[in-house]
Amino acid sequence: MMRWRITIYGRVQGVFYRKSTQQKARQLGLVGWVMNRPDGSVLAEIQGTEELLQEMVDWCWQGPPACDVIKIEKTEVPVEPSEAFEIRI
């Protein structure tokens, strides 16, 4: 079990990026959260197996149809008790 913090840059706000991320994470059985940041990026913490985390990051490059991702930063963070994948405000 691992937990990654990922920051997604580009046109990722106002394009249903958070909701799509939540749906994909739930589909993969991941837990964590996603939120918009004031600088226009999206921040997420995702937790699961390394294979599933990488699949999620690969999906984040594509995201929903209206987005345009230009950069993703990823760091490993400590695993936390989580039961769901939520959208934070």
N, C-alpha and C. Protein backbone atom coordinates (compact mmCIF):
# COMPACT_ATOMS: atom_id res chain seq x y z
N MET A 1 0.86 -1.18 0.00
CA MET A 1 0.00 0.00 0.00
C MET A 1 0.89 1.23 0.00
N MET A 2 0.55 2.18 -0.88
CA MET A 2 1.31 3.43 -1.00
C MET A 2 0.32 4.59 -1.12
N ARG A 3 0.83 5.80 -0.91
CA ARG A 3 0.02 7.01 -1.08
C ARG A 3 0.88 8.02 -1.82
N TRP A 4 0.33 8.57 -2.90
CA TRP A 4 1.01 9.58 -3.69
C TRP A 4 0.24 10.88 -3.66
N ARG A 5 0.96 11.99 -3.57
CA ARG A 5 0.38 13.32 -3.74
C ARG A 5 0.74 13.76 -5.16
N ILE A 6 -0.27 14.08 -5.94
CA ILE A 6 -0.03 14.51 -7.31
C ILE A 6 -0.63 15.89 -7.54
N THR A 7 0.11 16.71 -8.26
CA THR A 7 -0.37 18.03 -8.65
C THR A 7 -0.44 18.05 -10.16
N ILE A 8 -1.61 18.41 -10.68
CA ILE A 8 -1.86 18.40 -12.11
C ILE A 8 -1.98 19.85 -12.58
N TYR A 9 -1.18 20.21 -13.57
CA TYR A 9 -1.15 21.58 -14.09
C TYR A 9 -1.69 21.62 -15.52
N GLY A 10 -2.25 22.74 -15.89
CA GLY A 10 -2.79 22.95 -17.22
C GLY A 10 -4.21 23.48 -17.11
N ARG A 11 -5.02 23.22 -18.13
CA ARG A 11 -6.44 23.59 -18.05
C ARG A 11 -7.17 22.44 -17.38
N VAL A 12 -7.25 22.51 -16.03
CA VAL A 12 -7.80 21.40 -15.26
C VAL A 12 -8.89 21.85 -14.28
N GLN A 13 -9.24 23.12 -14.29
CA GLN A 13 -10.36 23.59 -13.48
C GLN A 13 -11.46 24.05 -14.42
N GLY A 14 -12.71 23.78 -14.00
CA GLY A 14 -13.86 24.16 -14.82
C GLY A 14 -14.12 23.19 -15.97
N VAL A 15 -13.51 22.00 -15.90
CA VAL A 15 -13.67 21.00 -16.97
C VAL A 15 -14.08 19.65 -16.39
N PHE A 16 -14.64 19.64 -15.18
CA PHE A 16 -15.06 18.42 -14.47
C PHE A 16 -13.89 17.50 -14.14
N TYR A 17 -12.70 18.07 -13.95
CA TYR A 17 -11.52 17.26 -13.65
C TYR A 17 -11.66 16.56 -12.30
N ARG A 18 -12.10 17.27 -11.27
CA ARG A 18 -12.21 16.65 -9.95
C ARG A 18 -13.22 15.51 -9.95
N LYS A 19 -14.40 15.74 -10.53
CA LYS A 19 -15.43 14.70 -10.55
C LYS A 19 -14.97 13.49 -11.36
N SER A 20 -14.33 13.74 -12.49
CA SER A 20 -13.83 12.63 -13.31
C SER A 20 -12.73 11.86 -12.58
N THR A 21 -11.88 12.58 -11.84
CA THR A 21 -10.83 11.94 -11.06
C THR A 21 -11.44 11.06 -9.97
N GLN A 22 -12.46 11.58 -9.31
CA GLN A 22 -13.14 10.79 -8.28
C GLN A 22 -13.74 9.52 -8.88
N GLN A 23 -14.38 9.64 -10.02
CA GLN A 23 -14.99 8.48 -10.66
C GLN A 23 -13.95 7.44 -11.04
N LYS A 24 -12.83 7.88 -11.61
CA LYS A 24 -11.78 6.95 -12.02
C LYS A 24 -11.15 6.28 -10.80
N ALA A 25 -10.87 7.06 -9.75
CA ALA A 25 -10.28 6.50 -8.53
C ALA A 25 -11.19 5.45 -7.92
N ARG A 26 -12.47 5.74 -7.86
CA ARG A 26 -13.42 4.77 -7.31
C ARG A 26 -13.48 3.52 -8.18
N GLN A 27 -13.43 3.69 -9.48
CA GLN A 27 -13.44 2.55 -10.41
C GLN A 27 -12.23 1.64 -10.15
N LEU A 28 -11.09 2.26 -9.84
CA LEU A 28 -9.87 1.49 -9.57
C LEU A 28 -9.78 0.97 -8.14
N GLY A 29 -10.70 1.42 -7.28
CA GLY A 29 -10.69 0.99 -5.89
C GLY A 29 -9.69 1.74 -5.03
N LEU A 30 -9.32 2.95 -5.46
CA LEU A 30 -8.39 3.77 -4.72
C LEU A 30 -9.13 4.63 -3.70
N VAL A 31 -8.43 5.08 -2.69
CA VAL A 31 -8.99 6.01 -1.71
C VAL A 31 -8.13 7.27 -1.69
N GLY A 32 -8.68 8.34 -1.13
CA GLY A 32 -7.96 9.60 -1.05
C GLY A 32 -8.88 10.77 -1.30
N TRP A 33 -8.34 11.80 -1.95
CA TRP A 33 -9.12 13.01 -2.20
C TRP A 33 -8.53 13.80 -3.36
N VAL A 34 -9.33 14.77 -3.85
CA VAL A 34 -8.91 15.66 -4.92
C VAL A 34 -9.50 17.04 -4.64
N MET A 35 -8.74 18.10 -5.00
CA MET A 35 -9.24 19.46 -4.77
C MET A 35 -8.59 20.44 -5.75
N ASN A 36 -9.29 21.54 -6.01
CA ASN A 36 -8.72 22.63 -6.79
C ASN A 36 -7.79 23.45 -5.90
N ARG A 37 -6.75 24.00 -6.51
CA ARG A 37 -5.85 24.90 -5.81
C ARG A 37 -6.01 26.31 -6.35
N PRO A 38 -5.72 27.34 -5.54
CA PRO A 38 -5.88 28.72 -5.98
C PRO A 38 -5.06 29.08 -7.22
N ASP A 39 -3.96 28.38 -7.46
CA ASP A 39 -3.12 28.70 -8.63
C ASP A 39 -3.64 28.10 -9.94
N GLY A 40 -4.81 27.42 -9.89
CA GLY A 40 -5.39 26.84 -11.10
C GLY A 40 -5.06 25.38 -11.32
N SER A 41 -4.21 24.83 -10.47
CA SER A 41 -3.88 23.40 -10.58
C SER A 41 -4.88 22.57 -9.77
N VAL A 42 -4.75 21.26 -9.89
CA VAL A 42 -5.55 20.32 -9.10
C VAL A 42 -4.58 19.49 -8.28
N LEU A 43 -4.90 19.32 -7.00
CA LEU A 43 -4.09 18.53 -6.08
C LEU A 43 -4.88 17.31 -5.67
N ALA A 44 -4.22 16.16 -5.65
CA ALA A 44 -4.88 14.92 -5.23
C ALA A 44 -3.93 14.08 -4.41
N GLU A 45 -4.49 13.32 -3.49
CA GLU A 45 -3.76 12.26 -2.82
C GLU A 45 -4.50 10.97 -3.13
N ILE A 46 -3.75 10.00 -3.64
CA ILE A 46 -4.33 8.73 -4.02
C ILE A 46 -3.58 7.62 -3.29
N GLN A 47 -4.33 6.61 -2.86
CA GLN A 47 -3.75 5.54 -2.06
C GLN A 47 -4.22 4.20 -2.58
N GLY A 48 -3.27 3.28 -2.73
CA GLY A 48 -3.56 1.93 -3.20
C GLY A 48 -2.26 1.23 -3.53
N THR A 49 -2.33 0.22 -4.39
CA THR A 49 -1.12 -0.47 -4.80
C THR A 49 -0.37 0.39 -5.81
N GLU A 50 0.94 0.17 -5.90
CA GLU A 50 1.75 0.95 -6.83
C GLU A 50 1.25 0.84 -8.26
N GLU A 51 0.84 -0.35 -8.65
CA GLU A 51 0.33 -0.57 -10.01
C GLU A 51 -0.92 0.28 -10.28
N LEU A 52 -1.86 0.27 -9.33
CA LEU A 52 -3.08 1.06 -9.51
C LEU A 52 -2.82 2.56 -9.43
N LEU A 53 -1.88 2.96 -8.58
CA LEU A 53 -1.53 4.38 -8.50
C LEU A 53 -0.95 4.85 -9.84
N GLN A 54 -0.10 4.04 -10.43
CA GLN A 54 0.48 4.42 -11.72
C GLN A 54 -0.59 4.48 -12.80
N GLU A 55 -1.54 3.54 -12.76
CA GLU A 55 -2.65 3.58 -13.72
C GLU A 55 -3.46 4.87 -13.56
N MET A 56 -3.64 5.30 -12.32
CA MET A 56 -4.38 6.54 -12.07
C MET A 56 -3.61 7.75 -12.60
N VAL A 57 -2.31 7.80 -12.35
CA VAL A 57 -1.50 8.92 -12.85
C VAL A 57 -1.51 8.93 -14.38
N ASP A 58 -1.42 7.76 -15.00
CA ASP A 58 -1.50 7.69 -16.46
C ASP A 58 -2.82 8.26 -16.95
N TRP A 59 -3.92 7.93 -16.25
CA TRP A 59 -5.24 8.48 -16.61
C TRP A 59 -5.25 10.00 -16.42
N CYS A 60 -4.61 10.48 -15.36
CA CYS A 60 -4.59 11.93 -15.09
C CYS A 60 -4.01 12.72 -16.25
N TRP A 61 -3.08 12.17 -16.99
CA TRP A 61 -2.53 12.85 -18.16
C TRP A 61 -3.62 13.08 -19.21
N GLN A 62 -4.56 12.15 -19.31
CA GLN A 62 -5.65 12.27 -20.28
C GLN A 62 -6.80 13.07 -19.67
N GLY A 63 -7.27 12.66 -18.49
CA GLY A 63 -8.36 13.34 -17.80
C GLY A 63 -9.63 13.39 -18.61
N PRO A 64 -10.57 14.26 -18.23
CA PRO A 64 -11.82 14.40 -18.98
C PRO A 64 -11.55 15.11 -20.32
N PRO A 65 -12.50 15.01 -21.26
CA PRO A 65 -12.27 15.51 -22.62
C PRO A 65 -11.86 16.99 -22.73
N ALA A 66 -12.36 17.88 -21.89
CA ALA A 66 -12.10 19.31 -22.06
C ALA A 66 -10.79 19.78 -21.42
N CYS A 67 -10.07 18.91 -20.73
CA CYS A 67 -8.86 19.35 -20.04
C CYS A 67 -7.66 19.36 -20.98
N ASP A 68 -6.60 20.03 -20.53
CA ASP A 68 -5.33 20.05 -21.25
C ASP A 68 -4.22 20.04 -20.20
N VAL A 69 -3.72 18.85 -19.89
CA VAL A 69 -2.70 18.68 -18.86
C VAL A 69 -1.33 18.95 -19.47
N ILE A 70 -0.55 19.80 -18.80
CA ILE A 70 0.79 20.11 -19.31
C ILE A 70 1.90 19.57 -18.40
N LYS A 71 1.57 19.30 -17.13
CA LYS A 71 2.59 18.79 -16.21
C LYS A 71 1.93 18.11 -15.03
N ILE A 72 2.56 17.04 -14.55
CA ILE A 72 2.12 16.36 -13.33
C ILE A 72 3.34 16.17 -12.44
N GLU A 73 3.22 16.59 -11.20
CA GLU A 73 4.27 16.35 -10.20
C GLU A 73 3.75 15.30 -9.23
N LYS A 74 4.62 14.37 -8.84
CA LYS A 74 4.22 13.26 -7.97
C LYS A 74 5.24 13.08 -6.85
N THR A 75 4.75 12.95 -5.62
CA THR A 75 5.61 12.62 -4.49
C THR A 75 4.92 11.57 -3.64
N GLU A 76 5.72 10.72 -3.01
CA GLU A 76 5.16 9.73 -2.10
C GLU A 76 4.97 10.38 -0.74
N VAL A 77 3.85 10.11 -0.11
CA VAL A 77 3.54 10.63 1.23
C VAL A 77 3.11 9.45 2.10
N PRO A 78 3.08 9.64 3.42
CA PRO A 78 2.70 8.53 4.30
C PRO A 78 1.27 8.05 4.06
N VAL A 79 1.07 6.75 4.15
CA VAL A 79 -0.26 6.14 4.05
C VAL A 79 -1.12 6.66 5.19
N GLU A 80 -2.39 6.94 4.90
CA GLU A 80 -3.34 7.43 5.90
C GLU A 80 -4.56 6.53 5.91
N PRO A 81 -5.24 6.43 7.05
CA PRO A 81 -6.50 5.69 7.06
C PRO A 81 -7.53 6.43 6.21
N SER A 82 -8.04 5.76 5.22
CA SER A 82 -9.06 6.34 4.32
C SER A 82 -10.02 5.24 3.92
N GLU A 83 -11.28 5.63 3.73
CA GLU A 83 -12.28 4.65 3.34
C GLU A 83 -12.93 4.96 2.01
N ALA A 84 -12.71 6.14 1.46
CA ALA A 84 -13.37 6.54 0.22
C ALA A 84 -12.48 7.51 -0.54
N PHE A 85 -12.94 7.92 -1.71
CA PHE A 85 -12.26 8.95 -2.47
C PHE A 85 -13.21 10.13 -2.58
N GLU A 86 -12.81 11.26 -2.01
CA GLU A 86 -13.72 12.40 -1.92
C GLU A 86 -13.19 13.63 -2.67
N ILE A 87 -14.10 14.51 -2.96
CA ILE A 87 -13.76 15.82 -3.51
C ILE A 87 -13.74 16.81 -2.37
N ARG A 88 -12.62 17.49 -2.21
CA ARG A 88 -12.50 18.51 -1.17
C ARG A 88 -12.67 19.88 -1.78
N ILE A 89 -13.20 20.80 -0.97
CA ILE A 89 -13.41 22.17 -1.45
C ILE A 89 -12.38 23.08 -0.84
